[in-house]
Amino acid sequence: MAFSANLEMVDSEARITLDGELDAAVAEQFRQAIEQAAQQKPQKLVLFMNTLSFMASAGLRVLVFAKQRMGSEVAVYVIGATGPVLNTLQMSGFHQAVYIQENYP
């Protein structure tokens, strides 16, 4: 399945919709979306993962990079992560560093 990471700025929020399978082959696309978002200096980073079916450790590394790149003052939200993606976040302990929600207002 193809992967996409689409960035949209809404006010002071960087919203990235992730779709498909996030593995080492496509992790650079995600990292580039994070870089573009960071340049906008958002107050929040919102990651929509409703249609992300798989995330390898390379994707997790990009999430760690996102937290570091954005800085501690930027809250990171993970929206709609389920199944294997949510398990990856929980098993790594990364779920403690972000806000995980089913829906976003």
PDB file of N, CA and C in Angstrom:
ATOM      1  N   MET A   1       0.844  -1.185   0.000  1.00  0.00           N
ATOM      2  CA  MET A   1       0.000   0.000   0.000  1.00  0.00           C
ATOM      3  C   MET A   1       0.885   1.242   0.000  1.00  0.00           C
ATOM      4  N   ALA A   2       0.551   2.204  -0.790  1.00  0.00           N
ATOM      5  CA  ALA A   2       1.303   3.456  -0.882  1.00  0.00           C
ATOM      6  C   ALA A   2       1.181   4.248   0.417  1.00  0.00           C
ATOM      7  N   PHE A   3       2.125   5.126   0.632  1.00  0.00           N
ATOM      8  CA  PHE A   3       2.137   5.977   1.818  1.00  0.00           C
ATOM      9  C   PHE A   3       2.024   7.432   1.388  1.00  0.00           C
ATOM     10  N   SER A   4       1.330   8.218   2.192  1.00  0.00           N
ATOM     11  CA  SER A   4       1.306   9.663   1.977  1.00  0.00           C
ATOM     12  C   SER A   4       1.290  10.375   3.320  1.00  0.00           C
ATOM     13  N   ALA A   5       1.894  11.554   3.342  1.00  0.00           N
ATOM     14  CA  ALA A   5       1.912  12.432   4.518  1.00  0.00           C
ATOM     15  C   ALA A   5       1.549  13.822   4.017  1.00  0.00           C
ATOM     16  N   ASN A   6       0.327  14.245   4.270  1.00  0.00           N
ATOM     17  CA  ASN A   6      -0.171  15.524   3.768  1.00  0.00           C
ATOM     18  C   ASN A   6      -0.252  16.547   4.888  1.00  0.00           C
ATOM     19  N   LEU A   7       0.469  17.642   4.705  1.00  0.00           N
ATOM     20  CA  LEU A   7       0.529  18.727   5.688  1.00  0.00           C
ATOM     21  C   LEU A   7      -0.481  19.804   5.346  1.00  0.00           C
ATOM     22  N   GLU A   8      -1.178  20.267   6.377  1.00  0.00           N
ATOM     23  CA  GLU A   8      -2.103  21.393   6.245  1.00  0.00           C
ATOM     24  C   GLU A   8      -1.920  22.273   7.478  1.00  0.00           C
ATOM     25  N   MET A   9      -1.782  23.568   7.273  1.00  0.00           N
ATOM     26  CA  MET A   9      -1.706  24.504   8.389  1.00  0.00           C
ATOM     27  C   MET A   9      -3.085  25.100   8.617  1.00  0.00           C
ATOM     28  N   VAL A  10      -3.573  25.004   9.844  1.00  0.00           N
ATOM     29  CA  VAL A  10      -4.857  25.580  10.227  1.00  0.00           C
ATOM     30  C   VAL A  10      -4.580  26.460  11.440  1.00  0.00           C
ATOM     31  N   ASP A  11      -4.640  27.765  11.214  1.00  0.00           N
ATOM     32  CA  ASP A  11      -4.261  28.740  12.242  1.00  0.00           C
ATOM     33  C   ASP A  11      -2.848  28.421  12.721  1.00  0.00           C
ATOM     34  N   SER A  12      -2.687  28.114  14.001  1.00  0.00           N
ATOM     35  CA  SER A  12      -1.354  27.829  14.540  1.00  0.00           C
ATOM     36  C   SER A  12      -1.114  26.327  14.719  1.00  0.00           C
ATOM     37  N   GLU A  13      -1.900  25.527  14.016  1.00  0.00           N
ATOM     38  CA  GLU A  13      -1.760  24.072  14.108  1.00  0.00           C
ATOM     39  C   GLU A  13      -1.217  23.494  12.805  1.00  0.00           C
ATOM     40  N   ALA A  14      -0.214  22.631  12.942  1.00  0.00           N
ATOM     41  CA  ALA A  14       0.273  21.854  11.801  1.00  0.00           C
ATOM     42  C   ALA A  14      -0.458  20.519  11.862  1.00  0.00           C
ATOM     43  N   ARG A  15      -1.203  20.222  10.813  1.00  0.00           N
ATOM     44  CA  ARG A  15      -1.963  18.970  10.763  1.00  0.00           C
ATOM     45  C   ARG A  15      -1.398  18.106   9.640  1.00  0.00           C
ATOM     46  N   ILE A  16      -0.972  16.908  10.013  1.00  0.00           N
ATOM     47  CA  ILE A  16      -0.425  15.977   9.028  1.00  0.00           C
ATOM     48  C   ILE A  16      -1.293  14.724   9.027  1.00  0.00           C
ATOM     49  N   THR A  17      -1.819  14.397   7.859  1.00  0.00           N
ATOM     50  CA  THR A  17      -2.606  13.188   7.696  1.00  0.00           C
ATOM     51  C   THR A  17      -1.710  12.115   7.101  1.00  0.00           C
ATOM     52  N   LEU A  18      -1.584  11.007   7.831  1.00  0.00           N
ATOM     53  CA  LEU A  18      -0.749   9.884   7.400  1.00  0.00           C
ATOM     54  C   LEU A  18      -1.656   8.783   6.881  1.00  0.00           C
ATOM     55  N   ASP A  19      -1.293   8.222   5.734  1.00  0.00           N
ATOM     56  CA  ASP A  19      -2.117   7.198   5.112  1.00  0.00           C
ATOM     57  C   ASP A  19      -1.229   6.088   4.570  1.00  0.00           C
ATOM     58  N   GLY A  20      -1.651   4.846   4.753  1.00  0.00           N
ATOM     59  CA  GLY A  20      -0.925   3.709   4.187  1.00  0.00           C
ATOM     60  C   GLY A  20      -0.029   3.038   5.200  1.00  0.00           C
ATOM     61  N   GLU A  21       1.154   2.633   4.740  1.00  0.00           N
ATOM     62  CA  GLU A  21       2.114   1.925   5.572  1.00  0.00           C
ATOM     63  C   GLU A  21       3.392   2.739   5.693  1.00  0.00           C
ATOM     64  N   LEU A  22       3.754   3.040   6.935  1.00  0.00           N
ATOM     65  CA  LEU A  22       4.931   3.864   7.221  1.00  0.00           C
ATOM     66  C   LEU A  22       6.090   2.947   7.600  1.00  0.00           C
ATOM     67  N   ASP A  23       6.991   2.732   6.654  1.00  0.00           N
ATOM     68  CA  ASP A  23       8.152   1.895   6.912  1.00  0.00           C
ATOM     69  C   ASP A  23       9.421   2.663   6.532  1.00  0.00           C
ATOM     70  N   ALA A  24      10.554   1.991   6.577  1.00  0.00           N
ATOM     71  CA  ALA A  24      11.834   2.658   6.327  1.00  0.00           C
ATOM     72  C   ALA A  24      11.918   3.255   4.921  1.00  0.00           C
ATOM     73  N   ALA A  25      11.256   2.627   3.968  1.00  0.00           N
ATOM     74  CA  ALA A  25      11.327   3.098   2.586  1.00  0.00           C
ATOM     75  C   ALA A  25      10.666   4.452   2.381  1.00  0.00           C
ATOM     76  N   VAL A  26       9.701   4.795   3.228  1.00  0.00           N
ATOM     77  CA  VAL A  26       8.951   6.049   3.042  1.00  0.00           C
ATOM     78  C   VAL A  26       9.064   7.004   4.231  1.00  0.00           C
ATOM     79  N   ALA A  27       9.824   6.633   5.247  1.00  0.00           N
ATOM     80  CA  ALA A  27       9.937   7.468   6.450  1.00  0.00           C
ATOM     81  C   ALA A  27      10.457   8.867   6.126  1.00  0.00           C
ATOM     82  N   GLU A  28      11.274   8.995   5.091  1.00  0.00           N
ATOM     83  CA  GLU A  28      11.808  10.300   4.703  1.00  0.00           C
ATOM     84  C   GLU A  28      10.689  11.260   4.286  1.00  0.00           C
ATOM     85  N   GLN A  29       9.648  10.750   3.661  1.00  0.00           N
ATOM     86  CA  GLN A  29       8.494  11.597   3.294  1.00  0.00           C
ATOM     87  C   GLN A  29       7.865  12.208   4.546  1.00  0.00           C
ATOM     88  N   PHE A  30       7.716  11.389   5.571  1.00  0.00           N
ATOM     89  CA  PHE A  30       7.140  11.846   6.833  1.00  0.00           C
ATOM     90  C   PHE A  30       8.063  12.881   7.478  1.00  0.00           C
ATOM     91  N   ARG A  31       9.369  12.604   7.471  1.00  0.00           N
ATOM     92  CA  ARG A  31      10.321  13.542   8.065  1.00  0.00           C
ATOM     93  C   ARG A  31      10.272  14.889   7.347  1.00  0.00           C
ATOM     94  N   GLN A  32      10.142  14.874   6.034  1.00  0.00           N
ATOM     95  CA  GLN A  32      10.060  16.125   5.275  1.00  0.00           C
ATOM     96  C   GLN A  32       8.798  16.909   5.632  1.00  0.00           C
ATOM     97  N   ALA A  33       7.698  16.211   5.850  1.00  0.00           N
ATOM     98  CA  ALA A  33       6.462  16.891   6.269  1.00  0.00           C
ATOM     99  C   ALA A  33       6.653  17.528   7.640  1.00  0.00           C
ATOM    100  N   ILE A  34       7.361  16.838   8.528  1.00  0.00           N
ATOM    101  CA  ILE A  34       7.660  17.397   9.861  1.00  0.00           C
ATOM    102  C   ILE A  34       8.525  18.651   9.719  1.00  0.00           C
ATOM    103  N   GLU A  35       9.536  18.599   8.860  1.00  0.00           N
ATOM    104  CA  GLU A  35      10.409  19.764   8.631  1.00  0.00           C
ATOM    105  C   GLU A  35       9.601  20.954   8.120  1.00  0.00           C
ATOM    106  N   GLN A  36       8.723  20.701   7.153  1.00  0.00           N
ATOM    107  CA  GLN A  36       7.893  21.785   6.610  1.00  0.00           C
ATOM    108  C   GLN A  36       6.990  22.366   7.695  1.00  0.00           C
ATOM    109  N   ALA A  37       6.440  21.511   8.522  1.00  0.00           N
ATOM    110  CA  ALA A  37       5.572  21.971   9.612  1.00  0.00           C
ATOM    111  C   ALA A  37       6.371  22.806  10.615  1.00  0.00           C
ATOM    112  N   ALA A  38       7.560  22.340  10.972  1.00  0.00           N
ATOM    113  CA  ALA A  38       8.388  23.053  11.956  1.00  0.00           C
ATOM    114  C   ALA A  38       8.754  24.448  11.477  1.00  0.00           C
ATOM    115  N   GLN A  39       8.933  24.615  10.178  1.00  0.00           N
ATOM    116  CA  GLN A  39       9.270  25.934   9.635  1.00  0.00           C
ATOM    117  C   GLN A  39       8.145  26.944   9.850  1.00  0.00           C
ATOM    118  N   GLN A  40       6.925  26.462  10.009  1.00  0.00           N
ATOM    119  CA  GLN A  40       5.772  27.337  10.243  1.00  0.00           C
ATOM    120  C   GLN A  40       5.623  27.729  11.712  1.00  0.00           C
ATOM    121  N   LYS A  41       6.444  27.123  12.580  1.00  0.00           N
ATOM    122  CA  LYS A  41       6.422  27.388  14.025  1.00  0.00           C
ATOM    123  C   LYS A  41       5.022  27.219  14.628  1.00  0.00           C
ATOM    124  N   PRO A  42       4.450  26.022  14.507  1.00  0.00           N
ATOM    125  CA  PRO A  42       3.098  25.796  15.035  1.00  0.00           C
ATOM    126  C   PRO A  42       3.093  25.707  16.555  1.00  0.00           C
ATOM    127  N   GLN A  43       1.919  25.903  17.135  1.00  0.00           N
ATOM    128  CA  GLN A  43       1.747  25.701  18.571  1.00  0.00           C
ATOM    129  C   GLN A  43       1.345  24.267  18.879  1.00  0.00           C
ATOM    130  N   LYS A  44       0.777  23.576  17.879  1.00  0.00           N
ATOM    131  CA  LYS A  44       0.382  22.176  18.020  1.00  0.00           C
ATOM    132  C   LYS A  44       0.762  21.429  16.753  1.00  0.00           C
ATOM    133  N   LEU A  45       1.121  20.162  16.937  1.00  0.00           N
ATOM    134  CA  LEU A  45       1.312  19.249  15.820  1.00  0.00           C
ATOM    135  C   LEU A  45       0.268  18.151  15.982  1.00  0.00           C
ATOM    136  N   VAL A  46      -0.607  18.030  15.001  1.00  0.00           N
ATOM    137  CA  VAL A  46      -1.697  17.059  15.061  1.00  0.00           C
ATOM    138  C   VAL A  46      -1.477  16.048  13.948  1.00  0.00           C
ATOM    139  N   LEU A  47      -1.330  14.790  14.345  1.00  0.00           N
ATOM    140  CA  LEU A  47      -1.066  13.711  13.395  1.00  0.00           C
ATOM    141  C   LEU A  47      -2.301  12.825  13.289  1.00  0.00           C
ATOM    142  N   PHE A  48      -2.932  12.848  12.136  1.00  0.00           N
ATOM    143  CA  PHE A  48      -4.122  12.037  11.905  1.00  0.00           C
ATOM    144  C   PHE A  48      -3.680  10.684  11.364  1.00  0.00           C
ATOM    145  N   MET A  49      -3.928   9.628  12.129  1.00  0.00           N
ATOM    146  CA  MET A  49      -3.458   8.287  11.775  1.00  0.00           C
ATOM    147  C   MET A  49      -4.600   7.309  11.535  1.00  0.00           C
ATOM    148  N   ASN A  50      -5.794   7.810  11.296  1.00  0.00           N
ATOM    149  CA  ASN A  50      -6.969   6.957  11.102  1.00  0.00           C
ATOM    150  C   ASN A  50      -6.761   5.927   9.999  1.00  0.00           C
ATOM    151  N   THR A  51      -6.073   6.317   8.925  1.00  0.00           N
ATOM    152  CA  THR A  51      -5.898   5.423   7.781  1.00  0.00           C
ATOM    153  C   THR A  51      -4.455   4.937   7.645  1.00  0.00           C
ATOM    154  N   LEU A  52      -3.678   5.071   8.721  1.00  0.00           N
ATOM    155  CA  LEU A  52      -2.328   4.515   8.745  1.00  0.00           C
ATOM    156  C   LEU A  52      -2.456   3.078   9.243  1.00  0.00           C
ATOM    157  N   SER A  53      -2.118   2.116   8.401  1.00  0.00           N
ATOM    158  CA  SER A  53      -2.346   0.714   8.756  1.00  0.00           C
ATOM    159  C   SER A  53      -1.138   0.048   9.401  1.00  0.00           C
ATOM    160  N   PHE A  54       0.048   0.642   9.258  1.00  0.00           N
ATOM    161  CA  PHE A  54       1.262   0.026   9.795  1.00  0.00           C
ATOM    162  C   PHE A  54       2.303   1.107  10.022  1.00  0.00           C
ATOM    163  N   MET A  55       3.068   0.966  11.120  1.00  0.00           N
ATOM    164  CA  MET A  55       4.173   1.875  11.378  1.00  0.00           C
ATOM    165  C   MET A  55       5.354   1.070  11.892  1.00  0.00           C
ATOM    166  N   ALA A  56       6.442   1.065  11.135  1.00  0.00           N
ATOM    167  CA  ALA A  56       7.672   0.385  11.526  1.00  0.00           C
ATOM    168  C   ALA A  56       8.470   1.286  12.471  1.00  0.00           C
ATOM    169  N   SER A  57       9.575   0.753  12.963  1.00  0.00           N
ATOM    170  CA  SER A  57      10.416   1.524  13.879  1.00  0.00           C
ATOM    171  C   SER A  57      10.953   2.794  13.221  1.00  0.00           C
ATOM    172  N   ALA A  58      11.090   2.790  11.907  1.00  0.00           N
ATOM    173  CA  ALA A  58      11.542   4.000  11.205  1.00  0.00           C
ATOM    174  C   ALA A  58      10.529   5.127  11.372  1.00  0.00           C
ATOM    175  N   GLY A  59       9.254   4.804  11.366  1.00  0.00           N
ATOM    176  CA  GLY A  59       8.215   5.794  11.607  1.00  0.00           C
ATOM    177  C   GLY A  59       8.266   6.318  13.022  1.00  0.00           C
ATOM    178  N   LEU A  60       8.542   5.435  13.953  1.00  0.00           N
ATOM    179  CA  LEU A  60       8.673   5.831  15.353  1.00  0.00           C
ATOM    180  C   LEU A  60       9.854   6.782  15.534  1.00  0.00           C
ATOM    181  N   ARG A  61      10.928   6.520  14.822  1.00  0.00           N
ATOM    182  CA  ARG A  61      12.083   7.425  14.900  1.00  0.00           C
ATOM    183  C   ARG A  61      11.716   8.823  14.395  1.00  0.00           C
ATOM    184  N   VAL A  62      10.888   8.898  13.370  1.00  0.00           N
ATOM    185  CA  VAL A  62      10.460  10.209  12.864  1.00  0.00           C
ATOM    186  C   VAL A  62       9.582  10.900  13.902  1.00  0.00           C
ATOM    187  N   LEU A  63       8.770  10.150  14.622  1.00  0.00           N
ATOM    188  CA  LEU A  63       7.961  10.758  15.689  1.00  0.00           C
ATOM    189  C   LEU A  63       8.858  11.332  16.785  1.00  0.00           C
ATOM    190  N   VAL A  64       9.895  10.615  17.145  1.00  0.00           N
ATOM    191  CA  VAL A  64      10.851  11.119  18.137  1.00  0.00           C
ATOM    192  C   VAL A  64      11.519  12.381  17.600  1.00  0.00           C
ATOM    193  N   PHE A  65      11.918  12.351  16.334  1.00  0.00           N
ATOM    194  CA  PHE A  65      12.496  13.527  15.682  1.00  0.00           C
ATOM    195  C   PHE A  65      11.520  14.710  15.741  1.00  0.00           C
ATOM    196  N   ALA A  66      10.237  14.431  15.492  1.00  0.00           N
ATOM    197  CA  ALA A  66       9.220  15.492  15.506  1.00  0.00           C
ATOM    198  C   ALA A  66       9.155  16.154  16.877  1.00  0.00           C
ATOM    199  N   LYS A  67       9.148  15.352  17.930  1.00  0.00           N
ATOM    200  CA  LYS A  67       9.113  15.913  19.291  1.00  0.00           C
ATOM    201  C   LYS A  67      10.333  16.790  19.534  1.00  0.00           C
ATOM    202  N   GLN A  68      11.494  16.326  19.112  1.00  0.00           N
ATOM    203  CA  GLN A  68      12.725  17.093  19.314  1.00  0.00           C
ATOM    204  C   GLN A  68      12.733  18.353  18.464  1.00  0.00           C
ATOM    205  N   ARG A  69      12.330  18.229  17.210  1.00  0.00           N
ATOM    206  CA  ARG A  69      12.377  19.350  16.257  1.00  0.00           C
ATOM    207  C   ARG A  69      11.389  20.449  16.638  1.00  0.00           C
ATOM    208  N   MET A  70      10.214  20.055  17.094  1.00  0.00           N
ATOM    209  CA  MET A  70       9.184  21.033  17.453  1.00  0.00           C
ATOM    210  C   MET A  70       9.495  21.724  18.774  1.00  0.00           C
ATOM    211  N   GLY A  71      10.153  21.010  19.667  1.00  0.00           N
ATOM    212  CA  GLY A  71      10.454  21.568  20.984  1.00  0.00           C
ATOM    213  C   GLY A  71       9.394  21.208  21.998  1.00  0.00           C
ATOM    214  N   SER A  72       9.736  21.353  23.245  1.00  0.00           N
ATOM    215  CA  SER A  72       8.854  20.924  24.329  1.00  0.00           C
ATOM    216  C   SER A  72       7.588  21.762  24.465  1.00  0.00           C
ATOM    217  N   GLU A  73       7.607  22.963  23.907  1.00  0.00           N
ATOM    218  CA  GLU A  73       6.430  23.834  24.030  1.00  0.00           C
ATOM    219  C   GLU A  73       5.320  23.487  23.031  1.00  0.00           C
ATOM    220  N   VAL A  74       5.618  22.635  22.053  1.00  0.00           N
ATOM    221  CA  VAL A  74       4.623  22.249  21.045  1.00  0.00           C
ATOM    222  C   VAL A  74       4.013  20.907  21.434  1.00  0.00           C
ATOM    223  N   ALA A  75       2.716  20.907  21.680  1.00  0.00           N
ATOM    224  CA  ALA A  75       2.014  19.670  22.014  1.00  0.00           C
ATOM    225  C   ALA A  75       1.814  18.842  20.753  1.00  0.00           C
ATOM    226  N   VAL A  76       2.032  17.525  20.870  1.00  0.00           N
ATOM    227  CA  VAL A  76       1.856  16.613  19.745  1.00  0.00           C
ATOM    228  C   VAL A  76       0.658  15.719  20.039  1.00  0.00           C
ATOM    229  N   TYR A  77      -0.287  15.707  19.098  1.00  0.00           N
ATOM    230  CA  TYR A  77      -1.499  14.900  19.225  1.00  0.00           C
ATOM    231  C   TYR A  77      -1.477  13.793  18.170  1.00  0.00           C
ATOM    232  N   VAL A  78      -1.793  12.593  18.591  1.00  0.00           N
ATOM    233  CA  VAL A  78      -1.949  11.454  17.684  1.00  0.00           C
ATOM    234  C   VAL A  78      -3.433  11.112  17.681  1.00  0.00           C
ATOM    235  N   ILE A  79      -4.043  11.227  16.521  1.00  0.00           N
ATOM    236  CA  ILE A  79      -5.493  11.059  16.406  1.00  0.00           C
ATOM    237  C   ILE A  79      -5.823   9.802  15.598  1.00  0.00           C
ATOM    238  N   GLY A  80      -6.670   8.955  16.182  1.00  0.00           N
ATOM    239  CA  GLY A  80      -7.224   7.815  15.458  1.00  0.00           C
ATOM    240  C   GLY A  80      -6.307   6.624  15.270  1.00  0.00           C
ATOM    241  N   ALA A  81      -5.203   6.555  15.984  1.00  0.00           N
ATOM    242  CA  ALA A  81      -4.306   5.396  15.845  1.00  0.00           C
ATOM    243  C   ALA A  81      -4.996   4.156  16.396  1.00  0.00           C
ATOM    244  N   THR A  82      -4.950   3.083  15.625  1.00  0.00           N
ATOM    245  CA  THR A  82      -5.567   1.829  16.053  1.00  0.00           C
ATOM    246  C   THR A  82      -4.647   0.657  15.735  1.00  0.00           C
ATOM    247  N   GLY A  83      -5.012  -0.504  16.224  1.00  0.00           N
ATOM    248  CA  GLY A  83      -4.341  -1.758  15.890  1.00  0.00           C
ATOM    249  C   GLY A  83      -2.845  -1.713  16.049  1.00  0.00           C
ATOM    250  N   PRO A  84      -2.135  -2.160  15.001  1.00  0.00           N
ATOM    251  CA  PRO A  84      -0.678  -2.258  15.083  1.00  0.00           C
ATOM    252  C   PRO A  84       0.011  -0.922  15.334  1.00  0.00           C
ATOM    253  N   VAL A  85      -0.541   0.162  14.818  1.00  0.00           N
ATOM    254  CA  VAL A  85       0.072   1.483  15.017  1.00  0.00           C
ATOM    255  C   VAL A  85       0.006   1.865  16.488  1.00  0.00           C
ATOM    256  N   LEU A  86      -1.147   1.703  17.098  1.00  0.00           N
ATOM    257  CA  LEU A  86      -1.307   2.021  18.520  1.00  0.00           C
ATOM    258  C   LEU A  86      -0.430   1.110  19.375  1.00  0.00           C
ATOM    259  N   ASN A  87      -0.359  -0.159  19.016  1.00  0.00           N
ATOM    260  CA  ASN A  87       0.500  -1.099  19.751  1.00  0.00           C
ATOM    261  C   ASN A  87       1.956  -0.661  19.699  1.00  0.00           C
ATOM    262  N   THR A  88       2.416  -0.214  18.538  1.00  0.00           N
ATOM    263  CA  THR A  88       3.798   0.257  18.398  1.00  0.00           C
ATOM    264  C   THR A  88       4.053   1.446  19.316  1.00  0.00           C
ATOM    265  N   LEU A  89       3.122   2.378  19.362  1.00  0.00           N
ATOM    266  CA  LEU A  89       3.267   3.551  20.228  1.00  0.00           C
ATOM    267  C   LEU A  89       3.306   3.148  21.698  1.00  0.00           C
ATOM    268  N   GLN A  90       2.468   2.204  22.078  1.00  0.00           N
ATOM    269  CA  GLN A  90       2.398   1.783  23.477  1.00  0.00           C
ATOM    270  C   GLN A  90       3.602   0.939  23.879  1.00  0.00           C
ATOM    271  N   MET A  91       3.999   0.007  23.030  1.00  0.00           N
ATOM    272  CA  MET A  91       5.132  -0.866  23.373  1.00  0.00           C
ATOM    273  C   MET A  91       6.435  -0.083  23.476  1.00  0.00           C
ATOM    274  N   SER A  92       6.553   0.988  22.712  1.00  0.00           N
ATOM    275  CA  SER A  92       7.771   1.801  22.750  1.00  0.00           C
ATOM    276  C   SER A  92       7.760   2.789  23.917  1.00  0.00           C
ATOM    277  N   GLY A  93       6.581   3.019  24.501  1.00  0.00           N
ATOM    278  CA  GLY A  93       6.457   4.008  25.561  1.00  0.00           C
ATOM    279  C   GLY A  93       6.225   5.415  25.032  1.00  0.00           C
ATOM    280  N   PHE A  94       6.189   5.565  23.707  1.00  0.00           N
ATOM    281  CA  PHE A  94       6.031   6.893  23.109  1.00  0.00           C
ATOM    282  C   PHE A  94       4.660   7.492  23.401  1.00  0.00           C
ATOM    283  N   HIS A  95       3.696   6.648  23.719  1.00  0.00           N
ATOM    284  CA  HIS A  95       2.352   7.146  24.026  1.00  0.00           C
ATOM    285  C   HIS A  95       2.352   8.080  25.234  1.00  0.00           C
ATOM    286  N   GLN A  96       3.409   8.004  26.052  1.00  0.00           N
ATOM    287  CA  GLN A  96       3.496   8.886  27.218  1.00  0.00           C
ATOM    288  C   GLN A  96       4.015  10.276  26.863  1.00  0.00           C
ATOM    289  N   ALA A  97       4.550  10.415  25.654  1.00  0.00           N
ATOM    290  CA  ALA A  97       5.123  11.696  25.239  1.00  0.00           C
ATOM    291  C   ALA A  97       4.178  12.514  24.369  1.00  0.00           C
ATOM    292  N   VAL A  98       3.034  11.934  24.004  1.00  0.00           N
ATOM    293  CA  VAL A  98       2.071  12.604  23.124  1.00  0.00           C
ATOM    294  C   VAL A  98       0.669  12.448  23.694  1.00  0.00           C
ATOM    295  N   TYR A  99      -0.262  13.204  23.128  1.00  0.00           N
ATOM    296  CA  TYR A  99      -1.668  13.058  23.489  1.00  0.00           C
ATOM    297  C   TYR A  99      -2.315  12.137  22.456  1.00  0.00           C
ATOM    298  N   ILE A 100      -2.832  11.012  22.908  1.00  0.00           N
ATOM    299  CA  ILE A 100      -3.491  10.077  21.996  1.00  0.00           C
ATOM    300  C   ILE A 100      -4.995  10.207  22.181  1.00  0.00           C
ATOM    301  N   GLN A 101      -5.695  10.476  21.082  1.00  0.00           N
ATOM    302  CA  GLN A 101      -7.131  10.648  21.103  1.00  0.00           C
ATOM    303  C   GLN A 101      -7.760   9.903  19.930  1.00  0.00           C
ATOM    304  N   GLU A 102      -8.997   9.485  20.111  1.00  0.00           N
ATOM    305  CA  GLU A 102      -9.721   8.833  19.014  1.00  0.00           C
ATOM    306  C   GLU A 102     -10.148   9.851  17.962  1.00  0.00           C
ATOM    307  N   ASN A 103     -10.610  11.012  18.422  1.00  0.00           N
ATOM    308  CA  ASN A 103     -11.119  12.066  17.523  1.00  0.00           C
ATOM    309  C   ASN A 103     -10.481  13.390  17.876  1.00  0.00           C
ATOM    310  N   TYR A 104     -10.558  14.316  16.939  1.00  0.00           N
ATOM    311  CA  TYR A 104     -10.041  15.662  17.174  1.00  0.00           C
ATOM    312  C   TYR A 104     -11.145  16.649  16.815  1.00  0.00           C
ATOM    313  N   PRO A 105     -11.376  17.619  17.697  1.00  0.00           N
ATOM    314  CA  PRO A 105     -12.502  18.547  17.461  1.00  0.00           C
ATOM    315  C   PRO A 105     -12.440  19.312  16.149  1.00  0.00           C
TER     316      PRO A 105
END
